[in-house]
Amino acid sequence: MKIAFSKINSAPYPFNLNLDNVIFEGDMVRINPKHVKLKATMQGFVDRPCDRCGLDMKLKLDENIELLLSDGIFKDFKNELSDTIEFFDSQIDLAELAFGELEVHLSDYFYCDVCGKI
């Protein structure tokens, strides 16, 4: 699902993506001509093996996500670390964004109930 940066204005632009068992929903608001603020939640379940014993488990997701989306190269004048995603075709690709955020979350270690008590 792609949305043109030009369609986002100061009124919240809602979105909702269903990625199998994960719902990625929220809204976007323009904060200046080149940047859009995204606030979203990612909720649902992902099948994943335990990182210690390999037992299959359902990992519950309930994440709040706040990102700055940039139409082109992001220049950080204040020298602050920020969660900024750059898009170079004047299109916000929500599916790519959602899958990327899911992969970031899943890059951590997760343990089943038995291994989590060890």
PDB file of N, CA and C in Angstrom:
ATOM      1  N   MET A   1       0.847  -1.170   0.000  1.00  0.00           N
ATOM      2  CA  MET A   1       0.000   0.000   0.000  1.00  0.00           C
ATOM      3  C   MET A   1       0.888   1.227   0.000  1.00  0.00           C
ATOM      4  N   LYS A   2       0.834   1.981  -1.080  1.00  0.00           N
ATOM      5  CA  LYS A   2       1.628   3.194  -1.205  1.00  0.00           C
ATOM      6  C   LYS A   2       0.723   4.419  -1.158  1.00  0.00           C
ATOM      7  N   ILE A   3       1.205   5.448  -0.468  1.00  0.00           N
ATOM      8  CA  ILE A   3       0.477   6.702  -0.348  1.00  0.00           C
ATOM      9  C   ILE A   3       1.435   7.827  -0.718  1.00  0.00           C
ATOM     10  N   ALA A   4       0.996   8.725  -1.560  1.00  0.00           N
ATOM     11  CA  ALA A   4       1.831   9.850  -1.968  1.00  0.00           C
ATOM     12  C   ALA A   4       2.009  10.817  -0.804  1.00  0.00           C
ATOM     13  N   PHE A   5       3.237  11.336  -0.637  1.00  0.00           N
ATOM     14  CA  PHE A   5       3.483  12.339   0.394  1.00  0.00           C
ATOM     15  C   PHE A   5       2.547  13.530   0.220  1.00  0.00           C
ATOM     16  N   SER A   6       2.210  13.861  -1.016  1.00  0.00           N
ATOM     17  CA  SER A   6       1.360  15.024  -1.285  1.00  0.00           C
ATOM     18  C   SER A   6      -0.057  14.866  -0.734  1.00  0.00           C
ATOM     19  N   LYS A   7      -0.502  13.637  -0.464  1.00  0.00           N
ATOM     20  CA  LYS A   7      -1.850  13.411   0.074  1.00  0.00           C
ATOM     21  C   LYS A   7      -1.938  13.625   1.580  1.00  0.00           C
ATOM     22  N   ILE A   8      -0.793  13.696   2.243  1.00  0.00           N
ATOM     23  CA  ILE A   8      -0.784  13.859   3.694  1.00  0.00           C
ATOM     24  C   ILE A   8      -0.767  15.352   4.016  1.00  0.00           C
ATOM     25  N   ASN A   9      -1.691  15.793   4.879  1.00  0.00           N
ATOM     26  CA  ASN A   9      -1.708  17.201   5.301  1.00  0.00           C
ATOM     27  C   ASN A   9      -1.766  17.266   6.821  1.00  0.00           C
ATOM     28  N   SER A  10      -2.195  18.393   7.363  1.00  0.00           N
ATOM     29  CA  SER A  10      -2.177  18.574   8.818  1.00  0.00           C
ATOM     30  C   SER A  10      -3.302  17.820   9.529  1.00  0.00           C
ATOM     31  N   ALA A  11      -4.284  17.344   8.791  1.00  0.00           N
ATOM     32  CA  ALA A  11      -5.332  16.500   9.380  1.00  0.00           C
ATOM     33  C   ALA A  11      -4.827  15.056   9.397  1.00  0.00           C
ATOM     34  N   PRO A  12      -5.076  14.299  10.460  1.00  0.00           N
ATOM     35  CA  PRO A  12      -4.603  12.913  10.518  1.00  0.00           C
ATOM     36  C   PRO A  12      -5.108  12.080   9.336  1.00  0.00           C
ATOM     37  N   TYR A  13      -4.205  11.340   8.719  1.00  0.00           N
ATOM     38  CA  TYR A  13      -4.515  10.444   7.610  1.00  0.00           C
ATOM     39  C   TYR A  13      -4.450   9.018   8.161  1.00  0.00           C
ATOM     40  N   PRO A  14      -5.595   8.388   8.410  1.00  0.00           N
ATOM     41  CA  PRO A  14      -5.583   7.052   9.020  1.00  0.00           C
ATOM     42  C   PRO A  14      -5.218   5.960   8.016  1.00  0.00           C
ATOM     43  N   PHE A  15      -4.630   4.882   8.530  1.00  0.00           N
ATOM     44  CA  PHE A  15      -4.326   3.707   7.712  1.00  0.00           C
ATOM     45  C   PHE A  15      -4.499   2.463   8.552  1.00  0.00           C
ATOM     46  N   ASN A  16      -4.702   1.333   7.873  1.00  0.00           N
ATOM     47  CA  ASN A  16      -4.870   0.051   8.538  1.00  0.00           C
ATOM     48  C   ASN A  16      -4.395  -1.028   7.579  1.00  0.00           C
ATOM     49  N   LEU A  17      -3.394  -1.790   7.994  1.00  0.00           N
ATOM     50  CA  LEU A  17      -2.864  -2.890   7.187  1.00  0.00           C
ATOM     51  C   LEU A  17      -2.983  -4.174   7.976  1.00  0.00           C
ATOM     52  N   ASN A  18      -3.446  -5.222   7.317  1.00  0.00           N
ATOM     53  CA  ASN A  18      -3.539  -6.534   7.936  1.00  0.00           C
ATOM     54  C   ASN A  18      -2.458  -7.408   7.316  1.00  0.00           C
ATOM     55  N   LEU A  19      -1.459  -7.780   8.124  1.00  0.00           N
ATOM     56  CA  LEU A  19      -0.349  -8.618   7.659  1.00  0.00           C
ATOM     57  C   LEU A  19      -0.505 -10.000   8.281  1.00  0.00           C
ATOM     58  N   ASP A  20      -1.331 -10.837   7.705  1.00  0.00           N
ATOM     59  CA  ASP A  20      -1.653 -12.157   8.255  1.00  0.00           C
ATOM     60  C   ASP A  20      -2.232 -12.007   9.653  1.00  0.00           C
ATOM     61  N   ASN A  21      -1.446 -12.297  10.694  1.00  0.00           N
ATOM     62  CA  ASN A  21      -1.944 -12.237  12.063  1.00  0.00           C
ATOM     63  C   ASN A  21      -1.556 -10.951  12.781  1.00  0.00           C
ATOM     64  N   VAL A  22      -1.040  -9.981  12.054  1.00  0.00           N
ATOM     65  CA  VAL A  22      -0.573  -8.732  12.651  1.00  0.00           C
ATOM     66  C   VAL A  22      -1.315  -7.564  12.016  1.00  0.00           C
ATOM     67  N   ILE A  23      -1.827  -6.672  12.866  1.00  0.00           N
ATOM     68  CA  ILE A  23      -2.512  -5.461  12.404  1.00  0.00           C
ATOM     69  C   ILE A  23      -1.590  -4.272  12.637  1.00  0.00           C
ATOM     70  N   PHE A  24      -1.325  -3.517  11.582  1.00  0.00           N
ATOM     71  CA  PHE A  24      -0.503  -2.309  11.641  1.00  0.00           C
ATOM     72  C   PHE A  24      -1.429  -1.150  11.312  1.00  0.00           C
ATOM     73  N   GLU A  25      -1.757  -0.328  12.328  1.00  0.00           N
ATOM     74  CA  GLU A  25      -2.692   0.763  12.092  1.00  0.00           C
ATOM     75  C   GLU A  25      -2.282   2.004  12.862  1.00  0.00           C
ATOM     76  N   GLY A  26      -2.716   3.139  12.353  1.00  0.00           N
ATOM     77  CA  GLY A  26      -2.399   4.410  12.990  1.00  0.00           C
ATOM     78  C   GLY A  26      -2.775   5.551  12.074  1.00  0.00           C
ATOM     79  N   ASP A  27      -2.043   6.651  12.225  1.00  0.00           N
ATOM     80  CA  ASP A  27      -2.282   7.790  11.336  1.00  0.00           C
ATOM     81  C   ASP A  27      -0.986   8.539  11.085  1.00  0.00           C
ATOM     82  N   MET A  28      -1.047   9.379  10.048  1.00  0.00           N
ATOM     83  CA  MET A  28       0.094  10.189   9.640  1.00  0.00           C
ATOM     84  C   MET A  28      -0.350  11.642   9.552  1.00  0.00           C
ATOM     85  N   VAL A  29       0.562  12.556   9.919  1.00  0.00           N
ATOM     86  CA  VAL A  29       0.289  13.982   9.883  1.00  0.00           C
ATOM     87  C   VAL A  29       1.522  14.691   9.327  1.00  0.00           C
ATOM     88  N   ARG A  30       1.306  15.618   8.417  1.00  0.00           N
ATOM     89  CA  ARG A  30       2.416  16.396   7.867  1.00  0.00           C
ATOM     90  C   ARG A  30       2.877  17.402   8.917  1.00  0.00           C
ATOM     91  N   ILE A  31       4.204  17.481   9.116  1.00  0.00           N
ATOM     92  CA  ILE A  31       4.734  18.463  10.065  1.00  0.00           C
ATOM     93  C   ILE A  31       5.516  19.570   9.379  1.00  0.00           C
ATOM     94  N   ASN A  32       5.943  19.349   8.138  1.00  0.00           N
ATOM     95  CA  ASN A  32       6.552  20.388   7.303  1.00  0.00           C
ATOM     96  C   ASN A  32       6.551  19.878   5.858  1.00  0.00           C
ATOM     97  N   PRO A  33       6.999  20.671   4.895  1.00  0.00           N
ATOM     98  CA  PRO A  33       6.877  20.232   3.488  1.00  0.00           C
ATOM     99  C   PRO A  33       7.564  18.909   3.149  1.00  0.00           C
ATOM    100  N   LYS A  34       8.590  18.507   3.894  1.00  0.00           N
ATOM    101  CA  LYS A  34       9.327  17.289   3.568  1.00  0.00           C
ATOM    102  C   LYS A  34       9.130  16.142   4.553  1.00  0.00           C
ATOM    103  N   HIS A  35       8.423  16.395   5.686  1.00  0.00           N
ATOM    104  CA  HIS A  35       8.364  15.385   6.733  1.00  0.00           C
ATOM    105  C   HIS A  35       6.940  15.109   7.199  1.00  0.00           C
ATOM    106  N   VAL A  36       6.707  13.827   7.489  1.00  0.00           N
ATOM    107  CA  VAL A  36       5.415  13.352   7.980  1.00  0.00           C
ATOM    108  C   VAL A  36       5.677  12.574   9.264  1.00  0.00           C
ATOM    109  N   LYS A  37       4.857  12.801  10.272  1.00  0.00           N
ATOM    110  CA  LYS A  37       4.954  12.068  11.541  1.00  0.00           C
ATOM    111  C   LYS A  37       3.973  10.902  11.500  1.00  0.00           C
ATOM    112  N   LEU A  38       4.470   9.694  11.775  1.00  0.00           N
ATOM    113  CA  LEU A  38       3.638   8.494  11.794  1.00  0.00           C
ATOM    114  C   LEU A  38       3.535   8.000  13.227  1.00  0.00           C
ATOM    115  N   LYS A  39       2.315   7.764  13.687  1.00  0.00           N
ATOM    116  CA  LYS A  39       2.055   7.128  14.980  1.00  0.00           C
ATOM    117  C   LYS A  39       1.206   5.907  14.684  1.00  0.00           C
ATOM    118  N   ALA A  40       1.672   4.748  15.159  1.00  0.00           N
ATOM    119  CA  ALA A  40       0.968   3.505  14.831  1.00  0.00           C
ATOM    120  C   ALA A  40       1.113   2.498  15.958  1.00  0.00           C
ATOM    121  N   THR A  41       0.307   1.463  15.874  1.00  0.00           N
ATOM    122  CA  THR A  41       0.437   0.308  16.751  1.00  0.00           C
ATOM    123  C   THR A  41       0.562  -0.933  15.878  1.00  0.00           C
ATOM    124  N   MET A  42       1.287  -1.896  16.385  1.00  0.00           N
ATOM    125  CA  MET A  42       1.411  -3.190  15.724  1.00  0.00           C
ATOM    126  C   MET A  42       0.952  -4.218  16.745  1.00  0.00           C
ATOM    127  N   GLN A  43      -0.167  -4.894  16.448  1.00  0.00           N
ATOM    128  CA  GLN A  43      -0.740  -5.853  17.379  1.00  0.00           C
ATOM    129  C   GLN A  43      -1.056  -7.154  16.665  1.00  0.00           C
ATOM    130  N   GLY A  44      -0.911  -8.242  17.392  1.00  0.00           N
ATOM    131  CA  GLY A  44      -1.246  -9.544  16.837  1.00  0.00           C
ATOM    132  C   GLY A  44      -0.335 -10.622  17.376  1.00  0.00           C
ATOM    133  N   PHE A  45      -0.196 -11.705  16.605  1.00  0.00           N
ATOM    134  CA  PHE A  45       0.607 -12.847  17.009  1.00  0.00           C
ATOM    135  C   PHE A  45       1.493 -13.276  15.849  1.00  0.00           C
ATOM    136  N   VAL A  46       2.697 -13.747  16.197  1.00  0.00           N
ATOM    137  CA  VAL A  46       3.643 -14.271  15.208  1.00  0.00           C
ATOM    138  C   VAL A  46       4.128 -15.625  15.707  1.00  0.00           C
ATOM    139  N   ASP A  47       4.127 -16.633  14.837  1.00  0.00           N
ATOM    140  CA  ASP A  47       4.704 -17.929  15.180  1.00  0.00           C
ATOM    141  C   ASP A  47       6.212 -17.815  15.085  1.00  0.00           C
ATOM    142  N   ARG A  48       6.886 -18.274  16.141  1.00  0.00           N
ATOM    143  CA  ARG A  48       8.337 -18.127  16.203  1.00  0.00           C
ATOM    144  C   ARG A  48       8.906 -19.235  17.083  1.00  0.00           C
ATOM    145  N   PRO A  49      10.087 -19.764  16.745  1.00  0.00           N
ATOM    146  CA  PRO A  49      10.700 -20.759  17.632  1.00  0.00           C
ATOM    147  C   PRO A  49      11.392 -20.070  18.810  1.00  0.00           C
ATOM    148  N   CYS A  50      11.411 -20.756  19.945  1.00  0.00           N
ATOM    149  CA  CYS A  50      12.139 -20.268  21.114  1.00  0.00           C
ATOM    150  C   CYS A  50      13.623 -20.185  20.744  1.00  0.00           C
ATOM    151  N   ASP A  51      14.284 -19.114  21.133  1.00  0.00           N
ATOM    152  CA  ASP A  51      15.697 -18.938  20.790  1.00  0.00           C
ATOM    153  C   ASP A  51      16.626 -19.805  21.631  1.00  0.00           C
ATOM    154  N   ARG A  52      16.108 -20.500  22.623  1.00  0.00           N
ATOM    155  CA  ARG A  52      16.944 -21.389  23.429  1.00  0.00           C
ATOM    156  C   ARG A  52      16.694 -22.852  23.080  1.00  0.00           C
ATOM    157  N   CYS A  53      15.439 -23.303  23.114  1.00  0.00           N
ATOM    158  CA  CYS A  53      15.154 -24.742  22.922  1.00  0.00           C
ATOM    159  C   CYS A  53      14.576 -25.066  21.545  1.00  0.00           C
ATOM    160  N   GLY A  54      14.107 -24.067  20.807  1.00  0.00           N
ATOM    161  CA  GLY A  54      13.558 -24.291  19.477  1.00  0.00           C
ATOM    162  C   GLY A  54      12.089 -24.653  19.443  1.00  0.00           C
ATOM    163  N   LEU A  55      11.432 -24.718  20.598  1.00  0.00           N
ATOM    164  CA  LEU A  55      10.013 -25.039  20.672  1.00  0.00           C
ATOM    165  C   LEU A  55       9.197 -23.940  19.984  1.00  0.00           C
ATOM    166  N   ASP A  56       8.217 -24.350  19.159  1.00  0.00           N
ATOM    167  CA  ASP A  56       7.361 -23.368  18.503  1.00  0.00           C
ATOM    168  C   ASP A  56       6.488 -22.665  19.531  1.00  0.00           C
ATOM    169  N   MET A  57       6.334 -21.372  19.377  1.00  0.00           N
ATOM    170  CA  MET A  57       5.508 -20.584  20.294  1.00  0.00           C
ATOM    171  C   MET A  57       4.841 -19.455  19.529  1.00  0.00           C
ATOM    172  N   LYS A  58       3.785 -18.914  20.111  1.00  0.00           N
ATOM    173  CA  LYS A  58       3.111 -17.746  19.553  1.00  0.00           C
ATOM    174  C   LYS A  58       3.605 -16.530  20.322  1.00  0.00           C
ATOM    175  N   LEU A  59       4.204 -15.611  19.593  1.00  0.00           N
ATOM    176  CA  LEU A  59       4.729 -14.394  20.196  1.00  0.00           C
ATOM    177  C   LEU A  59       3.690 -13.296  20.047  1.00  0.00           C
ATOM    178  N   LYS A  60       3.255 -12.732  21.172  1.00  0.00           N
ATOM    179  CA  LYS A  60       2.246 -11.669  21.148  1.00  0.00           C
ATOM    180  C   LYS A  60       2.931 -10.338  20.867  1.00  0.00           C
ATOM    181  N   LEU A  61       2.359  -9.586  19.933  1.00  0.00           N
ATOM    182  CA  LEU A  61       2.872  -8.259  19.593  1.00  0.00           C
ATOM    183  C   LEU A  61       1.904  -7.192  20.084  1.00  0.00           C
ATOM    184  N   ASP A  62       2.446  -6.180  20.705  1.00  0.00           N
ATOM    185  CA  ASP A  62       1.674  -5.007  21.105  1.00  0.00           C
ATOM    186  C   ASP A  62       2.665  -3.853  21.201  1.00  0.00           C
ATOM    187  N   GLU A  63       3.016  -3.286  20.057  1.00  0.00           N
ATOM    188  CA  GLU A  63       4.050  -2.271  19.973  1.00  0.00           C
ATOM    189  C   GLU A  63       3.477  -0.932  19.548  1.00  0.00           C
ATOM    190  N   ASN A  64       3.945   0.130  20.194  1.00  0.00           N
ATOM    191  CA  ASN A  64       3.642   1.493  19.753  1.00  0.00           C
ATOM    192  C   ASN A  64       4.820   1.972  18.933  1.00  0.00           C
ATOM    193  N   ILE A  65       4.521   2.579  17.793  1.00  0.00           N
ATOM    194  CA  ILE A  65       5.572   3.012  16.873  1.00  0.00           C
ATOM    195  C   ILE A  65       5.371   4.484  16.542  1.00  0.00           C
ATOM    196  N   GLU A  66       6.441   5.262  16.676  1.00  0.00           N
ATOM    197  CA  GLU A  66       6.436   6.658  16.263  1.00  0.00           C
ATOM    198  C   GLU A  66       7.660   6.876  15.387  1.00  0.00           C
ATOM    199  N   LEU A  67       7.420   7.318  14.160  1.00  0.00           N
ATOM    200  CA  LEU A  67       8.498   7.522  13.205  1.00  0.00           C
ATOM    201  C   LEU A  67       8.335   8.851  12.502  1.00  0.00           C
ATOM    202  N   LEU A  68       9.440   9.372  12.025  1.00  0.00           N
ATOM    203  CA  LEU A  68       9.435  10.521  11.140  1.00  0.00           C
ATOM    204  C   LEU A  68       9.701   9.980   9.741  1.00  0.00           C
ATOM    205  N   LEU A  69       8.861  10.329   8.789  1.00  0.00           N
ATOM    206  CA  LEU A  69       9.024   9.889   7.402  1.00  0.00           C
ATOM    207  C   LEU A  69       9.501  11.083   6.595  1.00  0.00           C
ATOM    208  N   SER A  70      10.553  10.884   5.819  1.00  0.00           N
ATOM    209  CA  SER A  70      11.156  11.974   5.058  1.00  0.00           C
ATOM    210  C   SER A  70      10.998  11.725   3.565  1.00  0.00           C
ATOM    211  N   ASP A  71      10.572  12.746   2.862  1.00  0.00           N
ATOM    212  CA  ASP A  71      10.487  12.693   1.404  1.00  0.00           C
ATOM    213  C   ASP A  71      11.847  13.110   0.854  1.00  0.00           C
ATOM    214  N   GLY A  72      12.746  12.146   0.740  1.00  0.00           N
ATOM    215  CA  GLY A  72      14.114  12.417   0.305  1.00  0.00           C
ATOM    216  C   GLY A  72      15.080  12.287   1.470  1.00  0.00           C
ATOM    217  N   ILE A  73      16.277  12.781   1.269  1.00  0.00           N
ATOM    218  CA  ILE A  73      17.340  12.669   2.269  1.00  0.00           C
ATOM    219  C   ILE A  73      16.978  13.491   3.502  1.00  0.00           C
ATOM    220  N   PHE A  74      17.172  12.888   4.676  1.00  0.00           N
ATOM    221  CA  PHE A  74      16.896  13.560   5.943  1.00  0.00           C
ATOM    222  C   PHE A  74      18.166  14.232   6.422  1.00  0.00           C
ATOM    223  N   LYS A  75      18.081  15.529   6.682  1.00  0.00           N
ATOM    224  CA  LYS A  75      19.219  16.275   7.216  1.00  0.00           C
ATOM    225  C   LYS A  75      18.926  16.584   8.675  1.00  0.00           C
ATOM    226  N   ASP A  76      19.773  16.090   9.544  1.00  0.00           N
ATOM    227  CA  ASP A  76      19.598  16.255  10.987  1.00  0.00           C
ATOM    228  C   ASP A  76      20.420  17.452  11.451  1.00  0.00           C
ATOM    229  N   PHE A  77      19.802  18.618  11.505  1.00  0.00           N
ATOM    230  CA  PHE A  77      20.500  19.843  11.867  1.00  0.00           C
ATOM    231  C   PHE A  77      20.774  19.942  13.366  1.00  0.00           C
ATOM    232  N   LYS A  78      19.989  19.259  14.185  1.00  0.00           N
ATOM    233  CA  LYS A  78      20.154  19.334  15.641  1.00  0.00           C
ATOM    234  C   LYS A  78      21.088  18.260  16.179  1.00  0.00           C
ATOM    235  N   ASN A  79      21.611  17.405  15.311  1.00  0.00           N
ATOM    236  CA  ASN A  79      22.505  16.315  15.716  1.00  0.00           C
ATOM    237  C   ASN A  79      21.866  15.383  16.731  1.00  0.00           C
ATOM    238  N   GLU A  80      20.599  15.072  16.537  1.00  0.00           N
ATOM    239  CA  GLU A  80      19.889  14.158  17.413  1.00  0.00           C
ATOM    240  C   GLU A  80      19.657  12.843  16.682  1.00  0.00           C
ATOM    241  N   LEU A  81      19.701  11.766  17.426  1.00  0.00           N
ATOM    242  CA  LEU A  81      19.314  10.490  16.841  1.00  0.00           C
ATOM    243  C   LEU A  81      17.797  10.467  16.757  1.00  0.00           C
ATOM    244  N   SER A  82      17.285  10.091  15.622  1.00  0.00           N
ATOM    245  CA  SER A  82      15.832  10.026  15.475  1.00  0.00           C
ATOM    246  C   SER A  82      15.466   8.799  14.666  1.00  0.00           C
ATOM    247  N   ASP A  83      14.241   8.363  14.834  1.00  0.00           N
ATOM    248  CA  ASP A  83      13.723   7.249  14.053  1.00  0.00           C
ATOM    249  C   ASP A  83      13.124   7.823  12.783  1.00  0.00           C
ATOM    250  N   THR A  84      13.952   7.974  11.780  1.00  0.00           N
ATOM    251  CA  THR A  84      13.528   8.577  10.518  1.00  0.00           C
ATOM    252  C   THR A  84      13.699   7.573   9.394  1.00  0.00           C
ATOM    253  N   ILE A  85      12.674   7.453   8.574  1.00  0.00           N
ATOM    254  CA  ILE A  85      12.710   6.581   7.396  1.00  0.00           C
ATOM    255  C   ILE A  85      12.663   7.490   6.175  1.00  0.00           C
ATOM    256  N   GLU A  86      13.604   7.289   5.258  1.00  0.00           N
ATOM    257  CA  GLU A  86      13.666   8.098   4.043  1.00  0.00           C
ATOM    258  C   GLU A  86      13.004   7.345   2.885  1.00  0.00           C
ATOM    259  N   PHE A  87      12.181   8.058   2.130  1.00  0.00           N
ATOM    260  CA  PHE A  87      11.577   7.533   0.903  1.00  0.00           C
ATOM    261  C   PHE A  87      12.037   8.429  -0.245  1.00  0.00           C
ATOM    262  N   PHE A  88      12.384   7.824  -1.375  1.00  0.00           N
ATOM    263  CA  PHE A  88      12.979   8.599  -2.458  1.00  0.00           C
ATOM    264  C   PHE A  88      12.123   8.686  -3.713  1.00  0.00           C
ATOM    265  N   ASP A  89      10.871   8.224  -3.653  1.00  0.00           N
ATOM    266  CA  ASP A  89      10.008   8.311  -4.821  1.00  0.00           C
ATOM    267  C   ASP A  89       8.727   9.084  -4.520  1.00  0.00           C
ATOM    268  N   SER A  90       8.752   9.887  -3.459  1.00  0.00           N
ATOM    269  CA  SER A  90       7.594  10.688  -3.011  1.00  0.00           C
ATOM    270  C   SER A  90       6.382   9.829  -2.682  1.00  0.00           C
ATOM    271  N   GLN A  91       6.633   8.553  -2.363  1.00  0.00           N
ATOM    272  CA  GLN A  91       5.584   7.608  -1.990  1.00  0.00           C
ATOM    273  C   GLN A  91       5.952   6.969  -0.649  1.00  0.00           C
ATOM    274  N   ILE A  92       4.994   6.894   0.254  1.00  0.00           N
ATOM    275  CA  ILE A  92       5.182   6.192   1.517  1.00  0.00           C
ATOM    276  C   ILE A  92       4.684   4.762   1.311  1.00  0.00           C
ATOM    277  N   ASP A  93       5.578   3.799   1.418  1.00  0.00           N
ATOM    278  CA  ASP A  93       5.222   2.392   1.236  1.00  0.00           C
ATOM    279  C   ASP A  93       4.928   1.796   2.616  1.00  0.00           C
ATOM    280  N   LEU A  94       3.651   1.772   2.980  1.00  0.00           N
ATOM    281  CA  LEU A  94       3.262   1.299   4.308  1.00  0.00           C
ATOM    282  C   LEU A  94       3.546  -0.184   4.517  1.00  0.00           C
ATOM    283  N   ALA A  95       3.414  -0.996   3.486  1.00  0.00           N
ATOM    284  CA  ALA A  95       3.691  -2.430   3.621  1.00  0.00           C
ATOM    285  C   ALA A  95       5.175  -2.648   3.920  1.00  0.00           C
ATOM    286  N   GLU A  96       6.041  -1.976   3.196  1.00  0.00           N
ATOM    287  CA  GLU A  96       7.477  -2.087   3.437  1.00  0.00           C
ATOM    288  C   GLU A  96       7.825  -1.597   4.845  1.00  0.00           C
ATOM    289  N   LEU A  97       7.218  -0.508   5.239  1.00  0.00           N
ATOM    290  CA  LEU A  97       7.433   0.055   6.564  1.00  0.00           C
ATOM    291  C   LEU A  97       6.989  -0.914   7.655  1.00  0.00           C
ATOM    292  N   ALA A  98       5.812  -1.507   7.493  1.00  0.00           N
ATOM    293  CA  ALA A  98       5.282  -2.448   8.481  1.00  0.00           C
ATOM    294  C   ALA A  98       6.160  -3.694   8.582  1.00  0.00           C
ATOM    295  N   PHE A  99       6.552  -4.260   7.452  1.00  0.00           N
ATOM    296  CA  PHE A  99       7.409  -5.446   7.480  1.00  0.00           C
ATOM    297  C   PHE A  99       8.763  -5.119   8.108  1.00  0.00           C
ATOM    298  N   GLY A 100       9.293  -3.939   7.813  1.00  0.00           N
ATOM    299  CA  GLY A 100      10.564  -3.524   8.407  1.00  0.00           C
ATOM    300  C   GLY A 100      10.473  -3.399   9.916  1.00  0.00           C
ATOM    301  N   GLU A 101       9.413  -2.776  10.405  1.00  0.00           N
ATOM    302  CA  GLU A 101       9.223  -2.633  11.852  1.00  0.00           C
ATOM    303  C   GLU A 101       9.013  -3.984  12.522  1.00  0.00           C
ATOM    304  N   LEU A 102       8.320  -4.887  11.851  1.00  0.00           N
ATOM    305  CA  LEU A 102       8.131  -6.232  12.382  1.00  0.00           C
ATOM    306  C   LEU A 102       9.477  -6.956  12.479  1.00  0.00           C
ATOM    307  N   GLU A 103      10.298  -6.845  11.450  1.00  0.00           N
ATOM    308  CA  GLU A 103      11.616  -7.490  11.456  1.00  0.00           C
ATOM    309  C   GLU A 103      12.513  -6.911  12.545  1.00  0.00           C
ATOM    310  N   VAL A 104      12.436  -5.611  12.762  1.00  0.00           N
ATOM    311  CA  VAL A 104      13.215  -4.998  13.841  1.00  0.00           C
ATOM    312  C   VAL A 104      12.803  -5.596  15.181  1.00  0.00           C
ATOM    313  N   HIS A 105      11.518  -5.722  15.400  1.00  0.00           N
ATOM    314  CA  HIS A 105      11.029  -6.288  16.659  1.00  0.00           C
ATOM    315  C   HIS A 105      11.466  -7.749  16.803  1.00  0.00           C
ATOM    316  N   LEU A 106      11.385  -8.511  15.729  1.00  0.00           N
ATOM    317  CA  LEU A 106      11.712  -9.934  15.786  1.00  0.00           C
ATOM    318  C   LEU A 106      13.214 -10.208  15.830  1.00  0.00           C
ATOM    319  N   SER A 107      14.041  -9.179  15.676  1.00  0.00           N
ATOM    320  CA  SER A 107      15.490  -9.381  15.726  1.00  0.00           C
ATOM    321  C   SER A 107      15.995  -9.585  17.153  1.00  0.00           C
ATOM    322  N   ASP A 108      15.131  -9.392  18.132  1.00  0.00           N
ATOM    323  CA  ASP A 108      15.483  -9.612  19.534  1.00  0.00           C
ATOM    324  C   ASP A 108      15.430 -11.111  19.854  1.00  0.00           C
ATOM    325  N   TYR A 109      15.837 -11.496  21.057  1.00  0.00           N
ATOM    326  CA  TYR A 109      15.741 -12.880  21.512  1.00  0.00           C
ATOM    327  C   TYR A 109      14.411 -13.074  22.231  1.00  0.00           C
ATOM    328  N   PHE A 110      13.771 -14.211  21.972  1.00  0.00           N
ATOM    329  CA  PHE A 110      12.499 -14.540  22.615  1.00  0.00           C
ATOM    330  C   PHE A 110      12.566 -15.977  23.109  1.00  0.00           C
ATOM    331  N   TYR A 111      12.068 -16.175  24.349  1.00  0.00           N
ATOM    332  CA  TYR A 111      12.121 -17.474  24.983  1.00  0.00           C
ATOM    333  C   TYR A 111      10.720 -17.948  25.340  1.00  0.00           C
ATOM    334  N   CYS A 112      10.513 -19.262  25.247  1.00  0.00           N
ATOM    335  CA  CYS A 112       9.241 -19.845  25.645  1.00  0.00           C
ATOM    336  C   CYS A 112       9.073 -19.708  27.162  1.00  0.00           C
ATOM    337  N   ASP A 113       7.909 -20.094  27.673  1.00  0.00           N
ATOM    338  CA  ASP A 113       7.642 -19.963  29.110  1.00  0.00           C
ATOM    339  C   ASP A 113       8.613 -20.776  29.955  1.00  0.00           C
ATOM    340  N   VAL A 114       9.000 -21.955  29.485  1.00  0.00           N
ATOM    341  CA  VAL A 114       9.916 -22.812  30.246  1.00  0.00           C
ATOM    342  C   VAL A 114      11.331 -22.211  30.265  1.00  0.00           C
ATOM    343  N   CYS A 115      11.844 -21.817  29.110  1.00  0.00           N
ATOM    344  CA  CYS A 115      13.205 -21.280  29.016  1.00  0.00           C
ATOM    345  C   CYS A 115      13.307 -19.881  29.632  1.00  0.00           C
ATOM    346  N   GLY A 116      12.216 -19.161  29.663  1.00  0.00           N
ATOM    347  CA  GLY A 116      12.224 -17.818  30.244  1.00  0.00           C
ATOM    348  C   GLY A 116      12.427 -17.844  31.749  1.00  0.00           C
ATOM    349  N   LYS A 117      12.186 -18.989  32.377  1.00  0.00           N
ATOM    350  CA  LYS A 117      12.349 -19.114  33.832  1.00  0.00           C
ATOM    351  C   LYS A 117      13.734 -19.610  34.221  1.00  0.00           C
ATOM    352  N   ILE A 118      14.536 -19.972  33.245  1.00  0.00           N
ATOM    353  CA  ILE A 118      15.904 -20.507  33.529  1.00  0.00           C
ATOM    354  C   ILE A 118      16.844 -19.370  33.845  1.00  0.00           C
TER     355      ILE A 118
END
